[in-house]
Amino acid sequence: MYKPQNKNKKRNEVKQCYFCTNDIEVFDFKDVALLKNFLTHQYKIASRSRTGNCSKHQRQVANAIKRSRIAALLPFTQHQR
């Protein structure tokens, strides 16, 4: 049986952790520009498969985003009603 080749090559690509590749050991919850890279357009925390973070750094990113939300540096939701 003929199996067509996967035309979407990005599925096979494994993303590397941003923090491991750039040797960033400590990052702060006040660095909003960095943390916005790990949010979706609805300001949800993006998954590991989407961002490519390792589990250690994904936990640190999630905690930093939660802290910056409480400190009112990042919004909880997209729209304010």
PDB file of N, CA and C in Angstrom:
ATOM      1  N   MET A   1       0.829  -1.166   0.000  1.00  0.00           N
ATOM      2  CA  MET A   1       0.000   0.000   0.000  1.00  0.00           C
ATOM      3  C   MET A   1       0.888   1.249   0.000  1.00  0.00           C
ATOM      4  N   TYR A   2       0.546   2.192  -0.825  1.00  0.00           N
ATOM      5  CA  TYR A   2       1.317   3.420  -0.964  1.00  0.00           C
ATOM      6  C   TYR A   2       0.986   4.371   0.172  1.00  0.00           C
ATOM      7  N   LYS A   3       2.021   4.850   0.839  1.00  0.00           N
ATOM      8  CA  LYS A   3       1.833   5.810   1.921  1.00  0.00           C
ATOM      9  C   LYS A   3       2.446   7.136   1.488  1.00  0.00           C
ATOM     10  N   PRO A   4       1.632   8.185   1.386  1.00  0.00           N
ATOM     11  CA  PRO A   4       2.180   9.466   0.938  1.00  0.00           C
ATOM     12  C   PRO A   4       3.130  10.052   1.971  1.00  0.00           C
ATOM     13  N   GLN A   5       4.097  10.810   1.478  1.00  0.00           N
ATOM     14  CA  GLN A   5       5.068  11.428   2.372  1.00  0.00           C
ATOM     15  C   GLN A   5       4.408  12.552   3.152  1.00  0.00           C
ATOM     16  N   ASN A   6       4.905  12.755   4.338  1.00  0.00           N
ATOM     17  CA  ASN A   6       4.392  13.828   5.182  1.00  0.00           C
ATOM     18  C   ASN A   6       4.851  15.167   4.602  1.00  0.00           C
ATOM     19  N   LYS A   7       3.894  15.972   4.153  1.00  0.00           N
ATOM     20  CA  LYS A   7       4.239  17.251   3.532  1.00  0.00           C
ATOM     21  C   LYS A   7       4.545  18.317   4.571  1.00  0.00           C
ATOM     22  N   ASN A   8       4.061  18.115   5.792  1.00  0.00           N
ATOM     23  CA  ASN A   8       4.326  19.073   6.849  1.00  0.00           C
ATOM     24  C   ASN A   8       5.588  18.642   7.587  1.00  0.00           C
ATOM     25  N   LYS A   9       6.723  19.188   7.207  1.00  0.00           N
ATOM     26  CA  LYS A   9       8.008  18.798   7.782  1.00  0.00           C
ATOM     27  C   LYS A   9       8.176  19.288   9.221  1.00  0.00           C
ATOM     28  N   LYS A  10       7.407  20.313   9.628  1.00  0.00           N
ATOM     29  CA  LYS A  10       7.569  20.861  10.966  1.00  0.00           C
ATOM     30  C   LYS A  10       7.127  19.883  12.039  1.00  0.00           C
ATOM     31  N   ARG A  11       6.283  18.939  11.710  1.00  0.00           N
ATOM     32  CA  ARG A  11       5.859  17.960  12.702  1.00  0.00           C
ATOM     33  C   ARG A  11       7.017  17.089  13.146  1.00  0.00           C
ATOM     34  N   ASN A  12       7.915  16.807  12.263  1.00  0.00           N
ATOM     35  CA  ASN A  12       9.041  15.946  12.586  1.00  0.00           C
ATOM     36  C   ASN A  12      10.157  16.696  13.302  1.00  0.00           C
ATOM     37  N   GLU A  13      10.117  18.018  13.246  1.00  0.00           N
ATOM     38  CA  GLU A  13      11.150  18.830  13.851  1.00  0.00           C
ATOM     39  C   GLU A  13      10.980  18.849  15.363  1.00  0.00           C
ATOM     40  N   VAL A  14      12.046  18.637  16.095  1.00  0.00           N
ATOM     41  CA  VAL A  14      12.008  18.704  17.543  1.00  0.00           C
ATOM     42  C   VAL A  14      12.549  20.066  17.951  1.00  0.00           C
ATOM     43  N   LYS A  15      11.743  20.813  18.697  1.00  0.00           N
ATOM     44  CA  LYS A  15      12.168  22.132  19.139  1.00  0.00           C
ATOM     45  C   LYS A  15      13.116  21.991  20.329  1.00  0.00           C
ATOM     46  N   GLN A  16      14.046  22.888  20.397  1.00  0.00           N
ATOM     47  CA  GLN A  16      14.995  22.897  21.502  1.00  0.00           C
ATOM     48  C   GLN A  16      14.521  23.907  22.553  1.00  0.00           C
ATOM     49  N   CYS A  17      14.849  23.629  23.783  1.00  0.00           N
ATOM     50  CA  CYS A  17      14.482  24.522  24.873  1.00  0.00           C
ATOM     51  C   CYS A  17      15.222  25.853  24.713  1.00  0.00           C
ATOM     52  N   TYR A  18      14.476  26.949  24.767  1.00  0.00           N
ATOM     53  CA  TYR A  18      15.045  28.281  24.590  1.00  0.00           C
ATOM     54  C   TYR A  18      16.071  28.586  25.667  1.00  0.00           C
ATOM     55  N   PHE A  19      15.787  28.187  26.898  1.00  0.00           N
ATOM     56  CA  PHE A  19      16.657  28.523  28.025  1.00  0.00           C
ATOM     57  C   PHE A  19      17.907  27.655  28.051  1.00  0.00           C
ATOM     58  N   CYS A  20      17.784  26.397  27.632  1.00  0.00           N
ATOM     59  CA  CYS A  20      18.958  25.518  27.586  1.00  0.00           C
ATOM     60  C   CYS A  20      19.901  25.917  26.456  1.00  0.00           C
ATOM     61  N   THR A  21      19.370  26.279  25.303  1.00  0.00           N
ATOM     62  CA  THR A  21      20.226  26.627  24.166  1.00  0.00           C
ATOM     63  C   THR A  21      20.930  27.965  24.367  1.00  0.00           C
ATOM     64  N   ASN A  22      20.297  28.912  25.078  1.00  0.00           N
ATOM     65  CA  ASN A  22      20.897  30.225  25.301  1.00  0.00           C
ATOM     66  C   ASN A  22      21.584  30.344  26.656  1.00  0.00           C
ATOM     67  N   ASP A  23      21.703  29.237  27.385  1.00  0.00           N
ATOM     68  CA  ASP A  23      22.368  29.194  28.693  1.00  0.00           C
ATOM     69  C   ASP A  23      21.809  30.236  29.669  1.00  0.00           C
ATOM     70  N   ILE A  24      20.485  30.345  29.705  1.00  0.00           N
ATOM     71  CA  ILE A  24      19.818  31.228  30.659  1.00  0.00           C
ATOM     72  C   ILE A  24      19.438  30.373  31.857  1.00  0.00           C
ATOM     73  N   GLU A  25      20.068  30.636  32.991  1.00  0.00           N
ATOM     74  CA  GLU A  25      19.796  29.832  34.181  1.00  0.00           C
ATOM     75  C   GLU A  25      18.718  30.455  35.054  1.00  0.00           C
ATOM     76  N   VAL A  26      18.744  31.774  35.176  1.00  0.00           N
ATOM     77  CA  VAL A  26      17.792  32.450  36.046  1.00  0.00           C
ATOM     78  C   VAL A  26      17.080  33.520  35.234  1.00  0.00           C
ATOM     79  N   PHE A  27      15.747  33.516  35.308  1.00  0.00           N
ATOM     80  CA  PHE A  27      14.988  34.595  34.699  1.00  0.00           C
ATOM     81  C   PHE A  27      13.944  35.050  35.704  1.00  0.00           C
ATOM     82  N   ASP A  28      13.527  36.292  35.568  1.00  0.00           N
ATOM     83  CA  ASP A  28      12.701  36.922  36.578  1.00  0.00           C
ATOM     84  C   ASP A  28      11.274  37.092  36.071  1.00  0.00           C
ATOM     85  N   PHE A  29      10.324  37.155  36.977  1.00  0.00           N
ATOM     86  CA  PHE A  29       8.937  37.345  36.592  1.00  0.00           C
ATOM     87  C   PHE A  29       8.683  38.764  36.106  1.00  0.00           C
ATOM     88  N   LYS A  30       9.639  39.677  36.345  1.00  0.00           N
ATOM     89  CA  LYS A  30       9.484  41.062  35.889  1.00  0.00           C
ATOM     90  C   LYS A  30       9.887  41.250  34.436  1.00  0.00           C
ATOM     91  N   ASP A  31      10.477  40.244  33.827  1.00  0.00           N
ATOM     92  CA  ASP A  31      10.884  40.305  32.423  1.00  0.00           C
ATOM     93  C   ASP A  31       9.687  39.932  31.539  1.00  0.00           C
ATOM     94  N   VAL A  32       8.805  40.888  31.340  1.00  0.00           N
ATOM     95  CA  VAL A  32       7.540  40.642  30.652  1.00  0.00           C
ATOM     96  C   VAL A  32       7.760  40.344  29.171  1.00  0.00           C
ATOM     97  N   ALA A  33       8.739  40.979  28.559  1.00  0.00           N
ATOM     98  CA  ALA A  33       8.993  40.756  27.135  1.00  0.00           C
ATOM     99  C   ALA A  33       9.375  39.304  26.861  1.00  0.00           C
ATOM    100  N   LEU A  34      10.140  38.700  27.742  1.00  0.00           N
ATOM    101  CA  LEU A  34      10.521  37.309  27.585  1.00  0.00           C
ATOM    102  C   LEU A  34       9.333  36.382  27.831  1.00  0.00           C
ATOM    103  N   LEU A  35       8.546  36.681  28.842  1.00  0.00           N
ATOM    104  CA  LEU A  35       7.431  35.813  29.201  1.00  0.00           C
ATOM    105  C   LEU A  35       6.300  35.845  28.179  1.00  0.00           C
ATOM    106  N   LYS A  36       6.159  36.944  27.454  1.00  0.00           N
ATOM    107  CA  LYS A  36       5.107  37.031  26.434  1.00  0.00           C
ATOM    108  C   LYS A  36       5.336  36.045  25.295  1.00  0.00           C
ATOM    109  N   ASN A  37       6.574  35.607  25.110  1.00  0.00           N
ATOM    110  CA  ASN A  37       6.861  34.614  24.073  1.00  0.00           C
ATOM    111  C   ASN A  37       6.260  33.257  24.393  1.00  0.00           C
ATOM    112  N   PHE A  38       5.924  33.030  25.645  1.00  0.00           N
ATOM    113  CA  PHE A  38       5.413  31.730  26.075  1.00  0.00           C
ATOM    114  C   PHE A  38       3.931  31.780  26.404  1.00  0.00           C
ATOM    115  N   LEU A  39       3.227  32.787  25.877  1.00  0.00           N
ATOM    116  CA  LEU A  39       1.786  32.909  26.035  1.00  0.00           C
ATOM    117  C   LEU A  39       1.118  32.789  24.672  1.00  0.00           C
ATOM    118  N   THR A  40      -0.117  32.297  24.660  1.00  0.00           N
ATOM    119  CA  THR A  40      -0.886  32.244  23.419  1.00  0.00           C
ATOM    120  C   THR A  40      -1.521  33.611  23.175  1.00  0.00           C
ATOM    121  N   HIS A  41      -2.245  33.735  22.083  1.00  0.00           N
ATOM    122  CA  HIS A  41      -2.887  35.016  21.786  1.00  0.00           C
ATOM    123  C   HIS A  41      -4.025  35.319  22.759  1.00  0.00           C
ATOM    124  N   GLN A  42      -4.478  34.301  23.496  1.00  0.00           N
ATOM    125  CA  GLN A  42      -5.513  34.508  24.517  1.00  0.00           C
ATOM    126  C   GLN A  42      -4.901  34.626  25.907  1.00  0.00           C
ATOM    127  N   TYR A  43      -3.588  34.792  25.979  1.00  0.00           N
ATOM    128  CA  TYR A  43      -2.819  34.936  27.217  1.00  0.00           C
ATOM    129  C   TYR A  43      -2.883  33.694  28.095  1.00  0.00           C
ATOM    130  N   LYS A  44      -3.020  32.532  27.477  1.00  0.00           N
ATOM    131  CA  LYS A  44      -2.888  31.278  28.207  1.00  0.00           C
ATOM    132  C   LYS A  44      -1.427  30.849  28.129  1.00  0.00           C
ATOM    133  N   ILE A  45      -1.003  30.063  29.098  1.00  0.00           N
ATOM    134  CA  ILE A  45       0.365  29.562  29.094  1.00  0.00           C
ATOM    135  C   ILE A  45       0.483  28.497  28.009  1.00  0.00           C
ATOM    136  N   ALA A  46       1.423  28.683  27.093  1.00  0.00           N
ATOM    137  CA  ALA A  46       1.582  27.760  25.970  1.00  0.00           C
ATOM    138  C   ALA A  46       2.174  26.436  26.451  1.00  0.00           C
ATOM    139  N   SER A  47       1.810  25.363  25.781  1.00  0.00           N
ATOM    140  CA  SER A  47       2.254  24.029  26.181  1.00  0.00           C
ATOM    141  C   SER A  47       3.710  23.796  25.794  1.00  0.00           C
ATOM    142  N   ARG A  48       4.271  22.752  26.368  1.00  0.00           N
ATOM    143  CA  ARG A  48       5.656  22.391  26.076  1.00  0.00           C
ATOM    144  C   ARG A  48       5.842  22.024  24.620  1.00  0.00           C
ATOM    145  N   SER A  49       4.864  21.344  24.048  1.00  0.00           N
ATOM    146  CA  SER A  49       4.997  20.927  22.654  1.00  0.00           C
ATOM    147  C   SER A  49       4.994  22.118  21.710  1.00  0.00           C
ATOM    148  N   ARG A  50       4.349  23.186  22.110  1.00  0.00           N
ATOM    149  CA  ARG A  50       4.311  24.381  21.262  1.00  0.00           C
ATOM    150  C   ARG A  50       5.561  25.246  21.433  1.00  0.00           C
ATOM    151  N   THR A  51       6.037  25.366  22.671  1.00  0.00           N
ATOM    152  CA  THR A  51       7.192  26.238  22.919  1.00  0.00           C
ATOM    153  C   THR A  51       8.517  25.514  22.791  1.00  0.00           C
ATOM    154  N   GLY A  52       8.522  24.199  23.062  1.00  0.00           N
ATOM    155  CA  GLY A  52       9.756  23.435  22.976  1.00  0.00           C
ATOM    156  C   GLY A  52      10.580  23.456  24.245  1.00  0.00           C
ATOM    157  N   ASN A  53      10.027  23.959  25.333  1.00  0.00           N
ATOM    158  CA  ASN A  53      10.772  24.006  26.595  1.00  0.00           C
ATOM    159  C   ASN A  53      10.924  22.615  27.189  1.00  0.00           C
ATOM    160  N   CYS A  54      11.995  22.431  27.949  1.00  0.00           N
ATOM    161  CA  CYS A  54      12.126  21.199  28.722  1.00  0.00           C
ATOM    162  C   CYS A  54      11.213  21.318  29.941  1.00  0.00           C
ATOM    163  N   SER A  55      11.011  20.225  30.635  1.00  0.00           N
ATOM    164  CA  SER A  55      10.041  20.230  31.736  1.00  0.00           C
ATOM    165  C   SER A  55      10.472  21.143  32.881  1.00  0.00           C
ATOM    166  N   LYS A  56      11.759  21.187  33.148  1.00  0.00           N
ATOM    167  CA  LYS A  56      12.266  22.050  34.224  1.00  0.00           C
ATOM    168  C   LYS A  56      11.967  23.513  33.936  1.00  0.00           C
ATOM    169  N   HIS A  57      12.282  23.961  32.731  1.00  0.00           N
ATOM    170  CA  HIS A  57      12.085  25.361  32.392  1.00  0.00           C
ATOM    171  C   HIS A  57      10.609  25.686  32.145  1.00  0.00           C
ATOM    172  N   GLN A  58       9.820  24.710  31.697  1.00  0.00           N
ATOM    173  CA  GLN A  58       8.396  24.955  31.514  1.00  0.00           C
ATOM    174  C   GLN A  58       7.734  25.236  32.869  1.00  0.00           C
ATOM    175  N   ARG A  59       8.130  24.505  33.910  1.00  0.00           N
ATOM    176  CA  ARG A  59       7.600  24.765  35.254  1.00  0.00           C
ATOM    177  C   ARG A  59       8.013  26.151  35.745  1.00  0.00           C
ATOM    178  N   GLN A  60       9.265  26.529  35.488  1.00  0.00           N
ATOM    179  CA  GLN A  60       9.732  27.845  35.910  1.00  0.00           C
ATOM    180  C   GLN A  60       9.017  28.965  35.155  1.00  0.00           C
ATOM    181  N   VAL A  61       8.787  28.757  33.860  1.00  0.00           N
ATOM    182  CA  VAL A  61       8.064  29.754  33.064  1.00  0.00           C
ATOM    183  C   VAL A  61       6.637  29.898  33.575  1.00  0.00           C
ATOM    184  N   ALA A  62       5.978  28.785  33.854  1.00  0.00           N
ATOM    185  CA  ALA A  62       4.596  28.828  34.340  1.00  0.00           C
ATOM    186  C   ALA A  62       4.506  29.572  35.668  1.00  0.00           C
ATOM    187  N   ASN A  63       5.432  29.293  36.577  1.00  0.00           N
ATOM    188  CA  ASN A  63       5.426  29.988  37.861  1.00  0.00           C
ATOM    189  C   ASN A  63       5.724  31.476  37.698  1.00  0.00           C
ATOM    190  N   ALA A  64       6.634  31.826  36.800  1.00  0.00           N
ATOM    191  CA  ALA A  64       6.961  33.238  36.571  1.00  0.00           C
ATOM    192  C   ALA A  64       5.775  33.973  35.949  1.00  0.00           C
ATOM    193  N   ILE A  65       5.050  33.332  35.036  1.00  0.00           N
ATOM    194  CA  ILE A  65       3.875  33.957  34.434  1.00  0.00           C
ATOM    195  C   ILE A  65       2.796  34.159  35.488  1.00  0.00           C
ATOM    196  N   LYS A  66       2.599  33.156  36.342  1.00  0.00           N
ATOM    197  CA  LYS A  66       1.589  33.293  37.398  1.00  0.00           C
ATOM    198  C   LYS A  66       1.944  34.409  38.372  1.00  0.00           C
ATOM    199  N   ARG A  67       3.217  34.538  38.702  1.00  0.00           N
ATOM    200  CA  ARG A  67       3.638  35.616  39.602  1.00  0.00           C
ATOM    201  C   ARG A  67       3.467  36.987  38.951  1.00  0.00           C
ATOM    202  N   SER A  68       3.789  37.086  37.671  1.00  0.00           N
ATOM    203  CA  SER A  68       3.652  38.379  37.007  1.00  0.00           C
ATOM    204  C   SER A  68       2.190  38.753  36.799  1.00  0.00           C
ATOM    205  N   ARG A  69       1.309  37.762  36.687  1.00  0.00           N
ATOM    206  CA  ARG A  69      -0.124  38.064  36.621  1.00  0.00           C
ATOM    207  C   ARG A  69      -0.609  38.634  37.950  1.00  0.00           C
ATOM    208  N   ILE A  70      -0.155  38.048  39.051  1.00  0.00           N
ATOM    209  CA  ILE A  70      -0.574  38.533  40.364  1.00  0.00           C
ATOM    210  C   ILE A  70      -0.012  39.933  40.620  1.00  0.00           C
ATOM    211  N   ALA A  71       1.178  40.205  40.125  1.00  0.00           N
ATOM    212  CA  ALA A  71       1.791  41.524  40.278  1.00  0.00           C
ATOM    213  C   ALA A  71       1.260  42.530  39.257  1.00  0.00           C
ATOM    214  N   ALA A  72       0.296  42.127  38.435  1.00  0.00           N
ATOM    215  CA  ALA A  72      -0.367  42.971  37.428  1.00  0.00           C
ATOM    216  C   ALA A  72       0.581  43.420  36.323  1.00  0.00           C
ATOM    217  N   LEU A  73       1.576  42.606  36.018  1.00  0.00           N
ATOM    218  CA  LEU A  73       2.458  42.909  34.892  1.00  0.00           C
ATOM    219  C   LEU A  73       1.947  42.270  33.612  1.00  0.00           C
ATOM    220  N   LEU A  74       1.230  41.168  33.737  1.00  0.00           N
ATOM    221  CA  LEU A  74       0.601  40.485  32.603  1.00  0.00           C
ATOM    222  C   LEU A  74      -0.882  40.336  32.898  1.00  0.00           C
ATOM    223  N   PRO A  75      -1.722  40.403  31.857  1.00  0.00           N
ATOM    224  CA  PRO A  75      -3.159  40.230  32.093  1.00  0.00           C
ATOM    225  C   PRO A  75      -3.527  38.751  32.256  1.00  0.00           C
ATOM    226  N   PHE A  76      -4.617  38.515  32.983  1.00  0.00           N
ATOM    227  CA  PHE A  76      -5.134  37.165  33.127  1.00  0.00           C
ATOM    228  C   PHE A  76      -5.855  36.724  31.860  1.00  0.00           C
ATOM    229  N   THR A  77      -6.609  37.647  31.249  1.00  0.00           N
ATOM    230  CA  THR A  77      -7.378  37.323  30.052  1.00  0.00           C
ATOM    231  C   THR A  77      -7.101  38.347  28.975  1.00  0.00           C
ATOM    232  N   GLN A  78      -7.655  38.058  27.796  1.00  0.00           N
ATOM    233  CA  GLN A  78      -7.414  38.931  26.656  1.00  0.00           C
ATOM    234  C   GLN A  78      -8.267  40.195  26.747  1.00  0.00           C
ATOM    235  N   HIS A  79      -9.513  40.049  27.107  1.00  0.00           N
ATOM    236  CA  HIS A  79     -10.448  41.184  27.095  1.00  0.00           C
ATOM    237  C   HIS A  79     -10.863  41.553  28.512  1.00  0.00           C
ATOM    238  N   GLN A  80     -10.965  42.836  28.739  1.00  0.00           N
ATOM    239  CA  GLN A  80     -11.516  43.331  29.995  1.00  0.00           C
ATOM    240  C   GLN A  80     -12.936  43.779  29.723  1.00  0.00           C
ATOM    241  N   ARG A  81     -13.883  43.264  30.498  1.00  0.00           N
ATOM    242  CA  ARG A  81     -15.292  43.651  30.272  1.00  0.00           C
ATOM    243  C   ARG A  81     -15.791  44.521  31.367  1.00  0.00           C
TER     244      ARG A  81
END
